[in-house]
Amino acid sequence: MQLAREELEQAYRQMKTIRDFEDHLHREIAKGTIGGFTHLYGGQEAIAVGVCENLRDTDYITSTHRGHGHCIAKGCDVKGMMKELYGRADGLQIWMLECWALTVLLVADLLLQQVPH
């Protein structure tokens, strides 16, 4: 399958978005700004982007404990997802009803934030 230059550039932008998100998340967890622990997705960006590029908007995804990249590649609101990880009220609670992978991801992350360090 040969991709056009525009498709390759879009895939690169998505992979870079995932990497930037994960790098930011890693720094914030290390600083203690975001509590708990998370399994980062850095280094695996091409998997999520390659798979999600072939899905329809109506397709659902499930994920693992490393679900950030999958949700970003599927098109979630990156800023809203980060707000959710910070525990902000204006995070993605409503969108979680549409993305089960994100629901599992965020519930697990938020529960971990409640555990004393």
N, C-alpha and C. Protein backbone atom coordinates (compact mmCIF):
# COMPACT_ATOMS: atom_id res chain seq x y z
N MET A 1 0.85 -1.18 0.00
CA MET A 1 0.00 0.00 0.00
C MET A 1 0.89 1.24 0.00
N GLN A 2 0.76 2.06 -0.99
CA GLN A 2 1.54 3.29 -1.12
C GLN A 2 0.72 4.46 -0.60
N LEU A 3 1.29 5.24 0.32
CA LEU A 3 0.59 6.40 0.86
C LEU A 3 1.07 7.67 0.16
N ALA A 4 0.15 8.59 -0.01
CA ALA A 4 0.49 9.89 -0.58
C ALA A 4 1.28 10.70 0.44
N ARG A 5 2.03 11.68 -0.04
CA ARG A 5 2.84 12.52 0.84
C ARG A 5 1.99 13.15 1.96
N GLU A 6 0.79 13.62 1.63
CA GLU A 6 -0.08 14.25 2.62
C GLU A 6 -0.48 13.26 3.72
N GLU A 7 -0.74 12.01 3.33
CA GLU A 7 -1.09 10.99 4.31
C GLU A 7 0.09 10.68 5.23
N LEU A 8 1.28 10.63 4.67
CA LEU A 8 2.47 10.40 5.48
C LEU A 8 2.72 11.56 6.45
N GLU A 9 2.52 12.78 5.96
CA GLU A 9 2.70 13.94 6.82
C GLU A 9 1.68 13.96 7.96
N GLN A 10 0.45 13.58 7.66
CA GLN A 10 -0.59 13.51 8.70
C GLN A 10 -0.24 12.43 9.72
N ALA A 11 0.22 11.29 9.26
CA ALA A 11 0.62 10.22 10.18
C ALA A 11 1.77 10.69 11.07
N TYR A 12 2.74 11.40 10.50
CA TYR A 12 3.85 11.92 11.29
C TYR A 12 3.35 12.90 12.34
N ARG A 13 2.43 13.80 11.96
CA ARG A 13 1.91 14.77 12.93
C ARG A 13 1.20 14.06 14.07
N GLN A 14 0.45 13.01 13.76
CA GLN A 14 -0.23 12.25 14.82
C GLN A 14 0.78 11.57 15.73
N MET A 15 1.80 10.96 15.15
CA MET A 15 2.82 10.31 15.98
C MET A 15 3.54 11.33 16.86
N LYS A 16 3.82 12.50 16.31
CA LYS A 16 4.49 13.55 17.10
C LYS A 16 3.57 14.04 18.22
N THR A 17 2.28 14.16 17.95
CA THR A 17 1.34 14.57 18.99
C THR A 17 1.34 13.56 20.13
N ILE A 18 1.31 12.28 19.80
CA ILE A 18 1.34 11.24 20.83
C ILE A 18 2.63 11.34 21.63
N ARG A 19 3.77 11.46 20.95
CA ARG A 19 5.05 11.53 21.66
C ARG A 19 5.12 12.77 22.55
N ASP A 20 4.68 13.91 22.05
CA ASP A 20 4.69 15.14 22.85
C ASP A 20 3.79 14.99 24.07
N PHE A 21 2.61 14.39 23.90
CA PHE A 21 1.69 14.16 25.01
C PHE A 21 2.36 13.28 26.07
N GLU A 22 2.94 12.19 25.63
CA GLU A 22 3.57 11.26 26.57
C GLU A 22 4.77 11.89 27.27
N ASP A 23 5.59 12.65 26.54
CA ASP A 23 6.73 13.32 27.15
C ASP A 23 6.27 14.33 28.21
N HIS A 24 5.22 15.09 27.89
CA HIS A 24 4.68 16.05 28.85
C HIS A 24 4.13 15.31 30.08
N LEU A 25 3.39 14.25 29.86
CA LEU A 25 2.83 13.47 30.95
C LEU A 25 3.94 12.91 31.84
N HIS A 26 4.98 12.41 31.23
CA HIS A 26 6.11 11.86 32.00
C HIS A 26 6.74 12.94 32.89
N ARG A 27 6.95 14.13 32.34
CA ARG A 27 7.54 15.22 33.12
C ARG A 27 6.63 15.62 34.28
N GLU A 28 5.33 15.70 34.03
CA GLU A 28 4.40 16.13 35.07
C GLU A 28 4.28 15.08 36.19
N ILE A 29 4.31 13.83 35.84
CA ILE A 29 4.28 12.78 36.86
C ILE A 29 5.56 12.82 37.68
N ALA A 30 6.70 13.00 37.02
CA ALA A 30 7.99 13.07 37.72
C ALA A 30 8.03 14.26 38.68
N LYS A 31 7.40 15.38 38.31
CA LYS A 31 7.36 16.56 39.17
C LYS A 31 6.33 16.41 40.29
N GLY A 32 5.43 15.46 40.17
CA GLY A 32 4.37 15.29 41.15
C GLY A 32 3.14 16.14 40.87
N THR A 33 3.12 16.82 39.74
CA THR A 33 1.97 17.65 39.37
C THR A 33 0.76 16.78 39.06
N ILE A 34 1.00 15.62 38.46
CA ILE A 34 -0.04 14.62 38.24
C ILE A 34 0.31 13.44 39.13
N GLY A 35 -0.63 13.08 39.99
CA GLY A 35 -0.38 12.01 40.94
C GLY A 35 -0.53 10.64 40.33
N GLY A 36 -0.05 9.66 41.05
CA GLY A 36 -0.22 8.28 40.62
C GLY A 36 0.87 7.83 39.67
N PHE A 37 0.54 6.83 38.92
CA PHE A 37 1.49 6.21 37.99
C PHE A 37 0.75 5.91 36.70
N THR A 38 1.46 5.96 35.61
CA THR A 38 0.86 5.58 34.34
C THR A 38 1.89 4.86 33.49
N HIS A 39 1.43 3.98 32.65
CA HIS A 39 2.29 3.31 31.68
C HIS A 39 2.29 4.16 30.42
N LEU A 40 3.44 4.70 30.08
CA LEU A 40 3.54 5.60 28.93
C LEU A 40 3.56 4.83 27.62
N TYR A 41 3.24 5.54 26.54
CA TYR A 41 3.11 4.93 25.22
C TYR A 41 4.24 5.33 24.28
N GLY A 42 5.21 6.11 24.77
CA GLY A 42 6.31 6.56 23.93
C GLY A 42 7.04 5.40 23.27
N GLY A 43 7.36 5.57 22.00
CA GLY A 43 8.06 4.54 21.24
C GLY A 43 7.13 3.60 20.49
N GLN A 44 5.84 3.71 20.73
CA GLN A 44 4.87 2.82 20.10
C GLN A 44 3.87 3.58 19.22
N GLU A 45 4.17 4.83 18.95
CA GLU A 45 3.23 5.71 18.27
C GLU A 45 2.78 5.18 16.91
N ALA A 46 3.69 4.57 16.17
CA ALA A 46 3.36 4.11 14.81
C ALA A 46 2.29 3.02 14.83
N ILE A 47 2.24 2.24 15.89
CA ILE A 47 1.24 1.17 15.98
C ILE A 47 -0.16 1.77 16.03
N ALA A 48 -0.37 2.68 16.97
CA ALA A 48 -1.70 3.29 17.12
C ALA A 48 -2.11 4.06 15.87
N VAL A 49 -1.18 4.84 15.33
CA VAL A 49 -1.50 5.65 14.16
C VAL A 49 -1.80 4.75 12.96
N GLY A 50 -1.00 3.72 12.75
CA GLY A 50 -1.22 2.83 11.61
C GLY A 50 -2.55 2.10 11.69
N VAL A 51 -2.90 1.63 12.88
CA VAL A 51 -4.16 0.91 13.04
C VAL A 51 -5.34 1.87 12.92
N CYS A 52 -5.30 2.97 13.67
CA CYS A 52 -6.44 3.88 13.70
C CYS A 52 -6.66 4.59 12.37
N GLU A 53 -5.62 4.73 11.57
CA GLU A 53 -5.76 5.32 10.24
C GLU A 53 -6.70 4.49 9.36
N ASN A 54 -6.81 3.22 9.66
CA ASN A 54 -7.63 2.32 8.85
C ASN A 54 -9.01 2.06 9.45
N LEU A 55 -9.36 2.78 10.51
CA LEU A 55 -10.67 2.62 11.13
C LEU A 55 -11.63 3.69 10.62
N ARG A 56 -12.90 3.38 10.70
CA ARG A 56 -13.93 4.38 10.40
C ARG A 56 -14.22 5.19 11.66
N ASP A 57 -14.82 6.34 11.51
CA ASP A 57 -15.18 7.16 12.68
C ASP A 57 -16.13 6.42 13.60
N THR A 58 -16.94 5.52 13.06
CA THR A 58 -17.92 4.79 13.85
C THR A 58 -17.35 3.56 14.54
N ASP A 59 -16.11 3.19 14.23
CA ASP A 59 -15.47 2.03 14.87
C ASP A 59 -15.08 2.36 16.30
N TYR A 60 -15.22 1.38 17.17
CA TYR A 60 -14.82 1.51 18.57
C TYR A 60 -13.47 0.84 18.75
N ILE A 61 -12.75 1.30 19.74
CA ILE A 61 -11.47 0.66 20.07
C ILE A 61 -11.49 0.26 21.54
N THR A 62 -10.71 -0.73 21.86
CA THR A 62 -10.38 -1.05 23.24
C THR A 62 -8.87 -0.93 23.34
N SER A 63 -8.40 -0.88 24.53
CA SER A 63 -6.98 -0.64 24.69
C SER A 63 -6.43 -1.45 25.84
N THR A 64 -5.21 -1.16 26.18
CA THR A 64 -4.53 -1.80 27.30
C THR A 64 -4.22 -0.74 28.34
N HIS A 65 -3.32 -1.08 29.23
CA HIS A 65 -2.88 -0.13 30.24
C HIS A 65 -2.02 0.99 29.63
N ARG A 66 -1.71 0.92 28.35
CA ARG A 66 -0.98 1.96 27.65
C ARG A 66 -1.89 2.57 26.58
N GLY A 67 -2.99 3.15 27.00
CA GLY A 67 -4.03 3.54 26.06
C GLY A 67 -4.00 4.96 25.54
N HIS A 68 -3.11 5.82 26.08
CA HIS A 68 -3.11 7.22 25.64
C HIS A 68 -2.94 7.33 24.13
N GLY A 69 -1.96 6.63 23.58
CA GLY A 69 -1.68 6.72 22.14
C GLY A 69 -2.84 6.29 21.29
N HIS A 70 -3.53 5.24 21.73
CA HIS A 70 -4.68 4.74 20.97
C HIS A 70 -5.78 5.80 20.92
N CYS A 71 -6.06 6.42 22.05
CA CYS A 71 -7.12 7.43 22.09
C CYS A 71 -6.76 8.64 21.25
N ILE A 72 -5.50 9.07 21.33
CA ILE A 72 -5.08 10.22 20.52
C ILE A 72 -5.17 9.89 19.04
N ALA A 73 -4.69 8.71 18.65
CA ALA A 73 -4.74 8.32 17.24
C ALA A 73 -6.17 8.19 16.74
N LYS A 74 -7.10 7.84 17.62
CA LYS A 74 -8.51 7.70 17.23
C LYS A 74 -9.19 9.06 17.14
N GLY A 75 -8.54 10.10 17.68
CA GLY A 75 -9.08 11.43 17.49
C GLY A 75 -9.62 12.13 18.72
N CYS A 76 -9.27 11.68 19.90
CA CYS A 76 -9.79 12.35 21.09
C CYS A 76 -9.21 13.75 21.23
N ASP A 77 -9.83 14.54 22.04
CA ASP A 77 -9.37 15.90 22.34
C ASP A 77 -8.17 15.79 23.27
N VAL A 78 -6.99 16.08 22.75
CA VAL A 78 -5.75 15.90 23.52
C VAL A 78 -5.72 16.80 24.74
N LYS A 79 -6.12 18.04 24.58
CA LYS A 79 -6.12 18.97 25.73
C LYS A 79 -7.12 18.50 26.79
N GLY A 80 -8.28 18.04 26.35
CA GLY A 80 -9.27 17.53 27.29
C GLY A 80 -8.78 16.29 28.02
N MET A 81 -8.06 15.42 27.31
CA MET A 81 -7.53 14.22 27.95
C MET A 81 -6.49 14.60 29.00
N MET A 82 -5.63 15.57 28.70
CA MET A 82 -4.64 16.00 29.67
C MET A 82 -5.31 16.64 30.88
N LYS A 83 -6.36 17.44 30.65
CA LYS A 83 -7.10 18.03 31.76
C LYS A 83 -7.68 16.94 32.66
N GLU A 84 -8.17 15.88 32.05
CA GLU A 84 -8.72 14.77 32.82
C GLU A 84 -7.64 14.13 33.70
N LEU A 85 -6.45 13.96 33.16
CA LEU A 85 -5.36 13.37 33.93
C LEU A 85 -4.92 14.28 35.08
N TYR A 86 -5.07 15.59 34.90
CA TYR A 86 -4.81 16.53 35.99
C TYR A 86 -5.94 16.52 37.02
N GLY A 87 -7.04 15.83 36.71
CA GLY A 87 -8.17 15.77 37.61
C GLY A 87 -9.08 16.98 37.54
N ARG A 88 -9.01 17.72 36.45
CA ARG A 88 -9.82 18.93 36.31
C ARG A 88 -11.25 18.58 35.92
N ALA A 89 -12.16 19.41 36.38
CA ALA A 89 -13.59 19.19 36.10
C ALA A 89 -13.93 19.35 34.63
N ASP A 90 -13.09 20.10 33.89
CA ASP A 90 -13.39 20.32 32.47
C ASP A 90 -12.64 19.32 31.57
N GLY A 91 -12.34 18.15 32.13
CA GLY A 91 -11.72 17.09 31.34
C GLY A 91 -12.73 16.39 30.45
N LEU A 92 -12.49 15.15 30.13
CA LEU A 92 -13.27 14.44 29.11
C LEU A 92 -14.39 13.55 29.64
N GLN A 93 -15.01 13.87 30.74
CA GLN A 93 -16.01 12.97 31.30
C GLN A 93 -17.11 12.61 30.30
N ILE A 94 -17.61 13.57 29.56
CA ILE A 94 -18.69 13.30 28.61
C ILE A 94 -18.17 12.44 27.47
N TRP A 95 -16.98 12.76 26.97
CA TRP A 95 -16.44 12.00 25.84
C TRP A 95 -16.13 10.57 26.24
N MET A 96 -15.93 10.32 27.53
CA MET A 96 -15.62 8.96 27.97
C MET A 96 -16.73 7.99 27.62
N LEU A 97 -17.94 8.46 27.54
CA LEU A 97 -19.05 7.59 27.17
C LEU A 97 -18.88 7.04 25.76
N GLU A 98 -18.12 7.73 24.93
CA GLU A 98 -17.94 7.33 23.54
C GLU A 98 -16.66 6.55 23.30
N CYS A 99 -15.75 6.56 24.25
CA CYS A 99 -14.46 5.90 24.04
C CYS A 99 -14.14 5.03 25.24
N TRP A 100 -14.50 3.76 25.17
CA TRP A 100 -14.31 2.86 26.31
C TRP A 100 -12.85 2.74 26.70
N ALA A 101 -11.96 2.78 25.74
CA ALA A 101 -10.54 2.69 26.08
C ALA A 101 -10.14 3.85 26.98
N LEU A 102 -10.65 5.03 26.69
CA LEU A 102 -10.33 6.18 27.50
C LEU A 102 -10.96 6.05 28.88
N THR A 103 -12.16 5.50 28.94
CA THR A 103 -12.80 5.31 30.23
C THR A 103 -11.94 4.44 31.12
N VAL A 104 -11.51 3.30 30.62
CA VAL A 104 -10.67 2.40 31.41
C VAL A 104 -9.37 3.09 31.78
N LEU A 105 -8.77 3.75 30.83
CA LEU A 105 -7.51 4.44 31.05
C LEU A 105 -7.65 5.48 32.16
N LEU A 106 -8.63 6.34 32.06
CA LEU A 106 -8.74 7.42 33.01
C LEU A 106 -9.20 6.97 34.38
N VAL A 107 -10.11 6.02 34.44
CA VAL A 107 -10.53 5.51 35.73
C VAL A 107 -9.34 4.89 36.45
N ALA A 108 -8.55 4.10 35.75
CA ALA A 108 -7.37 3.49 36.37
C ALA A 108 -6.39 4.56 36.82
N ASP A 109 -6.11 5.54 35.99
CA ASP A 109 -5.18 6.61 36.36
C ASP A 109 -5.71 7.41 37.55
N LEU A 110 -7.00 7.74 37.54
CA LEU A 110 -7.55 8.54 38.63
C LEU A 110 -7.59 7.75 39.93
N LEU A 111 -7.88 6.46 39.87
CA LEU A 111 -7.85 5.65 41.07
C LEU A 111 -6.44 5.60 41.66
N LEU A 112 -5.46 5.48 40.80
CA LEU A 112 -4.08 5.47 41.29
C LEU A 112 -3.70 6.79 41.96
N GLN A 113 -4.31 7.89 41.50
CA GLN A 113 -4.01 9.18 42.11
C GLN A 113 -4.54 9.26 43.54
N GLN A 114 -5.51 8.43 43.88
CA GLN A 114 -6.10 8.44 45.21
C GLN A 114 -5.28 7.64 46.22
N VAL A 115 -4.37 6.82 45.73
CA VAL A 115 -3.55 5.97 46.60
C VAL A 115 -2.45 6.83 47.21
N PRO A 116 -2.28 6.82 48.54
CA PRO A 116 -1.19 7.59 49.16
C PRO A 116 0.16 7.14 48.63
N HIS A 117 1.05 8.10 48.44
CA HIS A 117 2.38 7.78 47.92
C HIS A 117 3.30 7.35 49.04
